[in-house]
């Protein structure tokens, strides 16, 4: 074991609150880390862990840092939340991402895990201290699959004593919950050097089933070994039926809140939504709020879980209460204040992108606010001009006490208004940040004819999708004809 082990960490952050709390966390928990604050790129070659925020990220560039150090954590400012940006960080092997507004409870565990991985001795006293402080089940096997190390979490979960598992094959935990093909695929994955993710159904010494969500890492120390980190989800499985019931109820309530298709002599509304799982984050609304006034909105909540759906149901209540006498900005302020208050009190962060439109055919204008959502489209059926309803404010839930100003467009003639989710756009193109009017028209139109039914039939028939898919179409002006297919 190395004497006085120090793992050097460079903290490239101008967020003073985060810096102070991180330093306090390290000192209080005796994590063997030294923090340095210099920003010279050359110095990174001697650094084990880099924690970087947007200021230094934009200055140095992730690729330069990635080539100089072993592990990177990215400090995310909430106002910079962007799905594609986060995805890019993960693809560049950023170790983890933290919101600057919070110190996640798991930060201490992750720092300990990094110290463990960087240290040279994998079975010494330091490793025992690190791994035994983790409640999850940890096991290390050699290249033959024989157990060489297990932590206290492993022993507690399995019910075995240390001498009953060391130098044994993990098949001692084997239940009848998996096929032979399951284990063959796991072994095939890790022996080719890839990381395996999945769920184990194990058998404890007492004969009880233990459900474990696990990751197996191939690691090269003095020889090839395999590190398994497993989280006991047995209690979660017991609660599964209750969760399913809650999800079913939430889904039922959400479906009853969905609008119906609508048509009269001067406006027509139609839409579809396909969720990636039982509970989606997209919601479309349409309502007549005056003699010739209509309100429509499409919102997208981050996440596809029960919490997202419950938040969505609260937002829907705000939307349903919107009246023509209110300013459009009042609605978005109300939603934003609710979300920012939730995020301050919660361990999770929920954000919403959305586009809110007021169609006033009496005074011939369309008013909208686009809060971090893909552009809505207005297509003039007479001139064939395409107008984008571009983003004009931040995602909702990022910053409190914001005021929202709407944009007004004159409308006189026959128009299509198209609102859609980012999932739908990503289905058709790789980079919608550089999309042009021609690309929009190619996606949605054959000449002047909207491909609504074609798009709907194609997307609704898919067995698997990576994100919610939604599209709303509002035709206003002269209603009639057959140019929607």
Protein backbone atom coordinates (compact mmCIF):
# COMPACT_ATOMS: atom_id res chain seq x y z
CA UNK A 1 0.00 0.00 0.00
CA UNK A 2 1.23 3.49 -0.79
CA UNK A 3 2.13 5.60 2.22
CA UNK A 4 0.08 8.80 2.70
CA UNK A 5 -1.83 8.17 -0.52
CA UNK A 6 -2.99 11.37 -2.19
CA UNK A 7 -5.09 11.50 -5.30
CA UNK A 8 -4.66 14.84 -7.02
CA UNK A 9 -7.88 16.53 -8.08
CA UNK A 10 -8.15 19.71 -10.10
CA UNK A 11 -11.28 21.73 -9.37
CA UNK A 12 -11.91 24.09 -12.30
CA UNK A 13 -14.99 25.87 -11.02
CA UNK A 14 -15.92 29.48 -10.38
CA UNK A 15 -19.03 28.44 -8.45
CA UNK A 16 -17.90 29.50 -4.99
CA UNK A 17 -20.75 27.76 -3.13
CA UNK A 18 -20.02 24.44 -4.82
CA UNK A 19 -16.28 24.80 -4.21
CA UNK A 20 -16.75 25.45 -0.50
CA UNK A 21 -19.20 22.58 -0.02
CA UNK A 22 -16.98 20.15 -1.93
CA UNK A 23 -13.93 21.12 0.11
CA UNK A 24 -15.93 20.73 3.32
CA UNK A 25 -17.19 17.31 2.20
CA UNK A 26 -13.65 16.08 1.51
CA UNK A 27 -12.33 17.35 4.85
CA UNK A 28 -15.20 16.03 6.96
CA UNK A 29 -15.03 12.55 5.47
CA UNK A 30 -11.22 12.22 5.28
CA UNK A 31 -11.25 11.36 1.60
CA UNK A 32 -7.56 11.18 0.60
CA UNK A 33 -7.71 13.86 -2.09
CA UNK A 34 -5.69 17.03 -2.63
CA UNK A 35 -7.44 19.76 -4.59
CA UNK A 36 -5.52 22.09 -6.91
CA UNK A 37 -6.96 25.12 -8.65
CA UNK A 38 -4.50 26.05 -11.41
CA UNK A 39 -5.80 25.97 -14.98
CA UNK A 40 -2.65 25.38 -17.06
CA UNK A 41 -3.43 22.60 -19.52
CA UNK A 42 0.02 21.02 -19.12
CA UNK A 43 -0.56 20.53 -15.39
CA UNK A 44 -3.49 18.23 -16.08
CA UNK A 45 -1.12 15.40 -17.02
CA UNK A 46 -0.32 14.98 -13.32
CA UNK A 47 -3.97 15.14 -12.26
CA UNK A 48 -6.16 12.09 -11.55
CA UNK A 49 -9.61 13.70 -11.37
CA UNK A 50 -10.83 16.92 -12.97
CA UNK A 51 -14.05 18.63 -11.90
CA UNK A 52 -14.85 21.29 -14.47
CA UNK A 53 -17.63 23.81 -14.96
CA UNK A 54 -18.86 25.67 -18.03
CA UNK A 55 -16.35 28.53 -17.75
CA UNK A 56 -13.29 26.31 -18.07
CA UNK A 57 -15.03 23.86 -20.36
CA UNK A 58 -15.56 26.63 -22.93
CA UNK A 59 -11.99 27.91 -22.42
CA UNK A 60 -10.07 24.62 -22.62
CA UNK A 61 -12.44 22.32 -24.49
CA UNK A 62 -13.39 18.86 -23.28
CA UNK A 63 -11.28 16.99 -25.84
CA UNK A 64 -8.07 18.64 -24.60
CA UNK A 65 -8.87 17.82 -20.99
CA UNK A 66 -9.96 14.28 -21.87
CA UNK A 67 -6.54 13.56 -23.36
CA UNK A 68 -4.71 14.78 -20.27
CA UNK A 69 -6.46 13.16 -17.31
CA UNK A 70 -8.08 9.92 -16.16
CA UNK A 71 -11.52 10.94 -14.92
CA UNK A 72 -13.65 14.01 -15.52
CA UNK A 73 -16.66 15.25 -13.61
CA UNK A 74 -18.67 18.05 -15.22
CA UNK A 75 -20.31 20.72 -13.08
CA UNK A 76 -23.54 21.66 -14.85
CA UNK A 77 -25.13 25.06 -14.34
CA UNK A 78 -28.90 24.68 -14.51
CA UNK A 79 -29.36 27.36 -17.12
CA UNK A 80 -27.15 25.33 -19.47
CA UNK A 81 -29.40 22.25 -19.39
CA UNK A 82 -29.53 20.78 -22.89
CA UNK A 83 -30.16 17.13 -23.71
CA UNK A 84 -27.81 17.01 -26.69
CA UNK A 85 -25.05 18.70 -24.69
CA UNK A 86 -25.40 16.24 -21.82
CA UNK A 87 -25.42 13.35 -24.29
CA UNK A 88 -22.20 14.68 -25.82
CA UNK A 89 -20.51 14.78 -22.41
CA UNK A 90 -21.42 11.17 -21.73
CA UNK A 91 -20.17 10.14 -25.16
CA UNK A 92 -16.83 11.81 -24.31
CA UNK A 93 -16.56 9.61 -21.21
CA UNK A 94 -17.22 12.33 -18.65
CA UNK A 95 -17.32 10.40 -15.38
CA UNK A 96 -20.35 12.17 -13.93
CA UNK A 97 -22.43 15.33 -14.15
CA UNK A 98 -23.50 17.41 -11.15
CA UNK A 99 -25.96 20.30 -10.95
CA UNK A 100 -24.20 23.28 -9.45
CA UNK A 101 -27.29 24.07 -7.35
CA UNK A 102 -26.95 20.79 -5.46
CA UNK A 103 -24.27 18.57 -3.95
CA UNK A 104 -25.71 15.12 -4.71
CA UNK A 105 -25.75 12.65 -1.85
CA UNK A 106 -23.80 10.24 -4.01
CA UNK A 107 -20.82 12.60 -4.47
CA UNK A 108 -18.89 11.22 -1.51
CA UNK A 109 -19.40 7.67 -2.76
CA UNK A 110 -18.22 8.57 -6.26
CA UNK A 111 -15.10 10.28 -4.98
CA UNK A 112 -14.26 7.26 -2.83
CA UNK A 113 -14.85 4.97 -5.82
CA UNK A 114 -12.48 7.05 -7.95
CA UNK A 115 -9.79 6.96 -5.32
CA UNK A 116 -10.17 3.19 -5.20
CA UNK A 117 -9.91 2.78 -8.97
CA UNK A 118 -6.87 5.04 -9.24
CA UNK A 119 -4.94 3.42 -6.38
CA UNK A 120 -2.47 0.76 -7.44
CA UNK A 121 -3.21 -1.89 -4.81
CA UNK A 122 -6.63 -3.49 -5.29
CA UNK A 123 -6.81 -5.69 -2.18
CA UNK A 124 -5.04 -3.65 0.48
CA UNK A 125 -6.34 -1.89 3.56
CA UNK A 126 -7.33 1.24 1.65
CA UNK A 127 -9.50 -0.80 -0.72
CA UNK A 128 -11.24 -2.44 2.24
CA UNK A 129 -12.00 0.94 3.79
CA UNK A 130 -13.36 2.31 0.52
CA UNK A 131 -15.43 -0.66 -0.55
CA UNK A 132 -16.77 -1.56 2.88
CA UNK A 133 -18.12 1.99 3.21
CA UNK A 134 -20.38 1.27 0.23
CA UNK A 135 -23.65 -0.50 0.88
CA UNK A 136 -23.79 -1.92 -2.62
CA UNK A 137 -22.48 -5.42 -3.32
CA UNK A 138 -18.92 -5.34 -4.71
CA UNK A 139 -17.07 -8.37 -6.06
CA UNK A 140 -13.84 -8.85 -8.02
CA UNK A 141 -13.11 -12.05 -9.92
CA UNK A 142 -10.10 -13.20 -11.89
CA UNK A 143 -10.20 -14.00 -15.59
CA UNK A 144 -11.55 -17.48 -14.78
CA UNK A 145 -14.51 -16.01 -12.90
CA UNK A 146 -13.23 -17.04 -9.44
CA UNK A 147 -14.03 -14.63 -6.60
CA UNK A 148 -10.92 -12.89 -5.24
CA UNK A 149 -12.55 -10.06 -3.32
CA UNK A 150 -15.99 -9.23 -1.89
CA UNK A 151 -17.00 -6.35 0.34
CA UNK A 152 -19.26 -6.30 3.39
CA UNK A 153 -22.19 -5.31 1.18
CA UNK A 154 -21.78 -8.54 -0.79
CA UNK A 155 -21.69 -10.64 2.40
CA UNK A 156 -24.70 -8.87 3.89
CA UNK A 157 -26.77 -9.30 0.72
CA UNK A 158 -25.82 -12.94 0.12
CA UNK A 159 -25.80 -14.10 3.74
CA UNK A 160 -22.49 -15.95 3.29
CA UNK A 161 -19.31 -15.67 5.37
CA UNK A 162 -16.11 -14.50 3.69
CA UNK A 163 -14.47 -17.97 3.73
CA UNK A 164 -17.54 -19.45 2.05
CA UNK A 165 -17.19 -17.39 -1.14
CA UNK A 166 -13.53 -16.40 -1.60
CA UNK A 167 -11.83 -18.63 -4.21
CA UNK A 168 -15.27 -19.92 -5.22
CA UNK A 169 -17.23 -19.44 -8.43
CA UNK A 170 -20.17 -16.97 -8.15
CA UNK A 171 -22.48 -19.79 -9.25
CA UNK A 172 -22.97 -20.38 -5.51
CA UNK A 173 -25.48 -17.53 -5.84
CA UNK A 174 -27.13 -18.95 -8.95
CA UNK A 175 -30.92 -19.26 -8.94
CA UNK A 176 -33.29 -20.62 -11.55
CA UNK A 177 -34.13 -17.08 -12.61
CA UNK A 178 -31.84 -16.99 -15.66
CA UNK A 179 -31.24 -19.14 -18.70
CA UNK A 180 -27.84 -20.49 -19.71
CA UNK A 181 -27.89 -17.95 -22.57
CA UNK A 182 -28.08 -15.10 -20.05
CA UNK A 183 -24.75 -16.07 -18.48
CA UNK A 184 -23.14 -16.80 -21.85
CA UNK A 185 -24.03 -13.34 -23.12
CA UNK A 186 -22.71 -11.72 -19.91
CA UNK A 187 -19.38 -13.57 -20.20
CA UNK A 188 -19.14 -12.85 -23.94
CA UNK A 189 -19.64 -9.12 -23.26
CA UNK A 190 -17.03 -8.69 -20.54
CA UNK A 191 -14.38 -10.94 -22.10
CA UNK A 192 -14.35 -8.77 -25.22
CA UNK A 193 -13.67 -5.76 -22.99
CA UNK A 194 -17.16 -4.23 -22.87
CA UNK A 195 -19.14 -3.19 -19.80
CA UNK A 196 -22.22 -5.29 -18.99
CA UNK A 197 -25.38 -3.82 -17.45
CA UNK A 198 -28.33 -5.89 -16.28
CA UNK A 199 -30.29 -7.44 -13.43
CA UNK A 200 -29.38 -10.56 -11.47
CA UNK A 201 -31.83 -12.83 -9.68
CA UNK A 202 -29.58 -14.47 -7.07
CA UNK A 203 -30.19 -16.95 -4.27
CA UNK A 204 -29.02 -16.06 -0.77
CA UNK A 205 -27.61 -18.62 1.67
CA UNK A 206 -30.99 -18.74 3.42
CA UNK A 207 -32.71 -19.60 0.14
CA UNK A 208 -34.36 -16.23 -0.48
CA UNK A 209 -34.34 -14.59 -3.89
CA UNK A 210 -32.25 -11.42 -4.11
CA UNK A 211 -32.83 -9.04 -7.02
CA UNK A 212 -29.81 -6.98 -7.97
CA UNK A 213 -29.25 -4.24 -10.53
CA UNK A 214 -25.64 -4.69 -11.54
CA UNK A 215 -22.78 -3.51 -13.72
CA UNK A 216 -19.74 -5.66 -14.51
CA UNK A 217 -16.55 -3.88 -15.58
CA UNK A 218 -13.51 -5.52 -17.20
CA UNK A 219 -10.42 -4.00 -15.55
CA UNK A 220 -6.73 -4.54 -16.28
CA UNK A 221 -4.54 -4.53 -13.20
CA UNK A 222 -1.60 -6.95 -12.96
CA UNK A 223 -3.90 -9.25 -14.93
CA UNK A 224 -7.40 -9.10 -16.37
CA UNK A 225 -10.08 -9.02 -13.66
CA UNK A 226 -13.79 -8.26 -13.52
CA UNK A 227 -15.41 -5.83 -11.10
CA UNK A 228 -19.11 -6.23 -10.33
CA UNK A 229 -21.10 -3.49 -8.58
CA UNK A 230 -24.61 -4.56 -7.64
CA UNK A 231 -27.45 -2.63 -6.03
CA UNK A 232 -30.02 -4.63 -4.08
CA UNK A 233 -33.46 -3.93 -5.56
CA UNK A 234 -35.37 -6.71 -3.77
CA UNK A 235 -37.54 -4.23 -1.88
CA UNK A 236 -38.26 -2.41 -5.10
CA UNK A 237 -39.43 -5.65 -6.68
CA UNK A 238 -41.79 -6.28 -3.78
CA UNK A 239 -43.24 -2.82 -4.31
CA UNK A 240 -43.54 -3.36 -8.06
CA UNK A 241 -47.25 -4.16 -8.02
CA UNK A 242 -48.01 -1.02 -6.03
CA UNK A 243 -45.91 1.04 -8.42
CA UNK A 244 -47.66 -0.50 -11.40
CA UNK A 245 -51.00 0.41 -9.86
CA UNK A 246 -49.86 3.99 -9.32
CA UNK A 247 -48.55 4.17 -12.88
CA UNK A 248 -51.79 2.77 -14.25
CA UNK A 249 -53.79 5.34 -12.29
CA UNK A 250 -51.52 8.19 -13.39
CA UNK A 251 -51.73 7.05 -17.00
CA UNK A 252 -55.52 6.90 -16.77
CA UNK A 253 -55.74 10.41 -15.32
CA UNK A 254 -53.32 11.70 -17.97
CA UNK A 255 -55.31 10.13 -20.80
CA UNK A 256 -58.55 11.69 -19.56
CA UNK A 257 -56.84 15.11 -19.65
CA UNK A 258 -55.93 14.78 -23.32
CA UNK A 259 -57.91 17.01 -25.72
CA UNK A 260 -60.26 15.76 -28.42
CA UNK A 261 -59.85 16.49 -32.11
CA UNK A 262 -61.75 19.68 -33.01
CA UNK A 263 -63.13 21.30 -36.15
CA UNK A 264 -65.49 24.13 -37.06
CA UNK A 265 -65.84 26.44 -40.05
CA UNK A 266 -62.54 28.27 -39.48
CA UNK A 267 -60.19 26.00 -37.51
CA UNK A 268 -59.24 22.32 -37.34
CA UNK A 269 -57.13 20.58 -34.67
CA UNK A 270 -55.65 17.08 -34.74
CA UNK A 271 -52.71 15.42 -32.99
CA UNK A 272 -51.05 12.21 -31.87
CA UNK A 273 -48.69 11.21 -29.05
CA UNK A 274 -46.63 8.00 -28.78
CA UNK A 275 -44.87 7.44 -25.47
CA UNK A 276 -41.57 5.57 -25.21
CA UNK A 277 -42.89 3.76 -22.11
CA UNK A 278 -46.05 3.65 -20.03
CA UNK A 279 -45.54 7.13 -18.67
CA UNK A 280 -44.42 9.84 -21.03
CA UNK A 281 -43.30 13.41 -20.56
CA UNK A 282 -45.06 15.01 -23.56
CA UNK A 283 -48.47 16.65 -23.40
CA UNK A 284 -50.53 18.49 -26.03
CA UNK A 285 -53.45 20.79 -25.24
CA UNK A 286 -56.05 22.61 -27.35
CA UNK A 287 -59.05 24.63 -26.24
CA UNK A 288 -61.42 27.29 -27.52
CA UNK A 289 -61.23 30.23 -25.10
CA UNK A 290 -63.33 32.81 -26.96
CA UNK A 291 -65.62 33.30 -29.95
CA UNK A 292 -62.72 33.08 -32.40
CA UNK A 293 -59.88 32.58 -29.94
CA UNK A 294 -58.01 29.35 -29.34
CA UNK A 295 -55.21 28.26 -27.06
CA UNK A 296 -52.80 25.39 -27.76
CA UNK A 297 -49.63 24.17 -26.08
CA UNK A 298 -47.08 21.36 -26.30
CA UNK A 299 -44.88 20.69 -23.28
CA UNK A 300 -42.13 18.15 -22.61
CA UNK A 301 -41.10 17.26 -19.04
CA UNK A 302 -37.63 15.79 -18.52
CA UNK A 303 -37.77 12.11 -17.63
CA UNK A 304 -40.26 9.33 -18.30
CA UNK A 305 -41.13 8.24 -14.78
CA UNK A 306 -43.92 8.57 -12.26
CA UNK A 307 -42.53 11.80 -10.79
CA UNK A 308 -42.47 13.40 -14.25
CA UNK A 309 -46.08 12.37 -14.84
CA UNK A 310 -47.23 13.74 -11.47
CA UNK A 311 -45.52 17.05 -12.23
CA UNK A 312 -47.07 17.00 -15.69
CA UNK A 313 -50.53 16.58 -14.17
CA UNK A 314 -49.97 19.69 -12.02
CA UNK A 315 -48.82 21.68 -15.06
CA UNK A 316 -51.90 20.52 -16.97
CA UNK A 317 -54.11 22.04 -14.27
CA UNK A 318 -52.38 25.40 -14.83
CA UNK A 319 -52.89 25.10 -18.59
CA UNK A 320 -56.57 24.19 -18.26
CA UNK A 321 -57.16 27.28 -16.14
CA UNK A 322 -55.73 29.63 -18.78
CA UNK A 323 -58.27 32.22 -19.94
CA UNK A 324 -58.26 34.69 -22.81
CA UNK A 325 -58.18 37.64 -20.40
CA UNK A 326 -54.76 36.58 -19.08
CA UNK A 327 -51.45 37.50 -20.67
CA UNK A 328 -49.70 34.48 -22.18
CA UNK A 329 -46.64 35.30 -20.10
CA UNK A 330 -48.64 34.93 -16.88
CA UNK A 331 -49.18 31.24 -17.56
CA UNK A 332 -45.51 30.54 -18.26
CA UNK A 333 -44.47 32.50 -15.16
CA UNK A 334 -46.84 30.42 -13.03
CA UNK A 335 -45.44 27.15 -14.41
CA UNK A 336 -41.83 28.33 -14.07
CA UNK A 337 -42.30 29.45 -10.46
CA UNK A 338 -43.89 26.11 -9.56
CA UNK A 339 -40.98 24.16 -11.11
CA UNK A 340 -38.17 26.29 -9.65
CA UNK A 341 -39.77 25.99 -6.19
CA UNK A 342 -39.99 22.20 -6.65
CA UNK A 343 -36.34 21.97 -7.76
CA UNK A 344 -35.14 23.94 -4.73
CA UNK A 345 -36.87 21.54 -2.34
CA UNK A 346 -36.18 18.27 -4.16
CA UNK A 347 -33.16 16.02 -4.71
CA UNK A 348 -34.18 15.68 -8.36
CA UNK A 349 -34.36 18.39 -11.00
CA UNK A 350 -37.31 18.60 -13.35
CA UNK A 351 -37.34 20.99 -16.29
CA UNK A 352 -39.89 21.65 -19.01
CA UNK A 353 -39.54 22.78 -22.59
CA UNK A 354 -42.76 24.10 -24.06
CA UNK A 355 -44.42 26.20 -26.69
CA UNK A 356 -47.63 28.11 -25.89
CA UNK A 357 -49.77 29.66 -28.62
CA UNK A 358 -52.81 31.95 -28.64
CA UNK A 359 -54.62 32.04 -32.00
CA UNK A 360 -56.84 35.11 -32.35
CA UNK A 361 -58.78 34.86 -35.62
CA UNK A 362 -60.97 37.80 -34.68
CA UNK A 363 -58.00 40.19 -34.79
CA UNK A 364 -55.87 38.08 -37.17
CA UNK A 365 -52.79 37.38 -35.08
CA UNK A 366 -50.92 34.49 -33.49
CA UNK A 367 -49.15 35.07 -30.18
CA UNK A 368 -46.59 32.62 -28.78
CA UNK A 369 -43.90 31.92 -26.18
CA UNK A 370 -41.29 29.24 -26.88
CA UNK A 371 -39.51 28.13 -23.69
CA UNK A 372 -36.51 26.12 -24.86
CA UNK A 373 -38.55 23.97 -27.25
CA UNK A 374 -37.90 23.04 -30.90
CA UNK A 375 -39.35 25.67 -33.24
CA UNK A 376 -43.04 25.58 -33.97
CA UNK A 377 -43.88 26.06 -37.66
CA UNK A 378 -46.42 28.30 -39.37
CA UNK A 379 -46.96 27.43 -43.03
CA UNK A 380 -48.82 29.91 -45.24
CA UNK A 381 -50.90 27.77 -47.63
CA UNK A 382 -51.18 30.60 -50.16
CA UNK A 383 -47.62 31.95 -50.34
CA UNK A 384 -45.92 28.70 -49.21
CA UNK A 385 -43.89 30.75 -46.72
CA UNK A 386 -42.64 28.87 -43.66
CA UNK A 387 -42.18 30.83 -40.41
CA UNK A 388 -40.41 29.35 -37.39
CA UNK A 389 -41.67 30.03 -33.87
CA UNK A 390 -38.17 30.01 -32.42
CA UNK A 391 -37.10 29.75 -28.79
CA UNK A 392 -37.36 33.11 -27.08
CA UNK A 393 -36.74 32.14 -23.45
CA UNK A 394 -35.14 29.52 -21.18
CA UNK A 395 -36.50 26.13 -20.23
CA UNK A 396 -39.07 26.37 -17.46
CA UNK A 397 -37.71 25.47 -14.02
CA UNK A 398 -34.19 26.81 -14.58
CA UNK A 399 -34.37 30.21 -12.91
CA UNK A 400 -37.05 31.71 -10.69
CA UNK A 401 -38.78 35.09 -10.92
CA UNK A 402 -38.39 35.40 -14.68
CA UNK A 403 -40.80 37.50 -16.72
CA UNK A 404 -41.94 36.17 -20.09
CA UNK A 405 -42.73 38.22 -23.17
CA UNK A 406 -44.70 36.81 -26.06
CA UNK A 407 -44.11 37.34 -29.78
CA UNK A 408 -47.00 38.32 -32.05
CA UNK A 409 -47.31 37.35 -35.73
CA UNK A 410 -49.97 38.72 -38.08
CA UNK A 411 -52.05 36.02 -39.82
CA UNK A 412 -54.41 36.64 -42.71
CA UNK A 413 -55.25 33.68 -44.92
CA UNK A 414 -55.02 29.92 -44.53
CA UNK A 415 -52.23 28.59 -42.33
CA UNK A 416 -50.91 25.38 -40.79
CA UNK A 417 -49.50 25.52 -37.26
CA UNK A 418 -47.30 22.52 -36.40
CA UNK A 419 -46.04 21.76 -32.89
CA UNK A 420 -43.92 18.66 -32.25
CA UNK A 421 -41.55 17.07 -29.74
CA UNK A 422 -37.78 16.92 -30.04
CA UNK A 423 -38.13 13.14 -30.21
CA UNK A 424 -40.08 13.40 -33.46
CA UNK A 425 -37.54 15.74 -35.02
CA UNK A 426 -34.62 13.56 -33.92
CA UNK A 427 -36.32 10.59 -35.58
CA UNK A 428 -35.92 12.25 -38.98
CA UNK A 429 -32.65 14.17 -38.69
CA UNK A 430 -29.36 13.85 -36.80
CA UNK A 431 -28.69 17.51 -36.02
CA UNK A 432 -31.73 19.72 -35.77
CA UNK A 433 -29.64 22.68 -34.58
CA UNK A 434 -28.79 23.34 -38.24
CA UNK A 435 -32.18 22.60 -39.76
CA UNK A 436 -33.36 24.73 -42.71
CA UNK A 437 -36.87 25.60 -43.96
CA UNK A 438 -36.41 23.16 -46.83
CA UNK A 439 -35.66 20.31 -44.40
CA UNK A 440 -38.80 21.19 -42.44
CA UNK A 441 -40.89 21.11 -45.61
CA UNK A 442 -39.37 17.80 -46.72
CA UNK A 443 -40.25 16.25 -43.35
CA UNK A 444 -43.81 17.49 -43.10
CA UNK A 445 -45.02 18.20 -46.66
CA UNK A 446 -45.36 16.82 -50.14
CA UNK A 447 -45.62 20.14 -51.92
CA UNK A 448 -48.59 21.85 -50.25
CA UNK A 449 -49.94 18.61 -48.80
CA UNK A 450 -49.29 17.94 -45.12
CA UNK A 451 -48.07 14.36 -44.45
CA UNK A 452 -49.82 14.15 -41.07
CA UNK A 453 -51.44 10.73 -41.54
CA UNK A 454 -48.31 9.29 -43.15
CA UNK A 455 -46.11 10.46 -40.26
CA UNK A 456 -48.62 9.25 -37.68
CA UNK A 457 -48.96 5.79 -39.24
CA UNK A 458 -45.19 5.40 -39.54
CA UNK A 459 -44.37 6.40 -35.97
CA UNK A 460 -47.30 4.78 -34.18
CA UNK A 461 -46.45 1.42 -35.76
CA UNK A 462 -42.94 1.31 -34.28
CA UNK A 463 -42.33 -1.27 -31.56
CA UNK A 464 -39.52 0.67 -29.90
CA UNK A 465 -38.71 4.39 -29.76
CA UNK A 466 -35.98 6.25 -27.86
CA UNK A 467 -38.11 9.24 -26.87
CA UNK A 468 -41.70 10.41 -26.82
CA UNK A 469 -43.06 11.30 -30.26
CA UNK A 470 -45.80 13.91 -30.60
CA UNK A 471 -47.22 16.12 -33.34
CA UNK A 472 -50.06 18.64 -33.24
CA UNK A 473 -51.58 20.20 -36.36
CA UNK A 474 -53.87 23.24 -36.35
CA UNK A 475 -55.29 24.45 -39.68
CA UNK A 476 -56.92 27.90 -39.52
CA UNK A 477 -58.40 30.17 -42.13
CA UNK A 478 -60.41 28.53 -44.89
CA UNK A 479 -61.15 24.96 -43.67
CA UNK A 480 -61.89 22.33 -46.27
CA UNK A 481 -60.26 20.40 -49.08
CA UNK A 482 -58.28 17.19 -48.88
CA UNK A 483 -54.67 18.39 -48.66
CA UNK A 484 -53.96 16.57 -45.40
CA UNK A 485 -53.02 12.90 -45.73
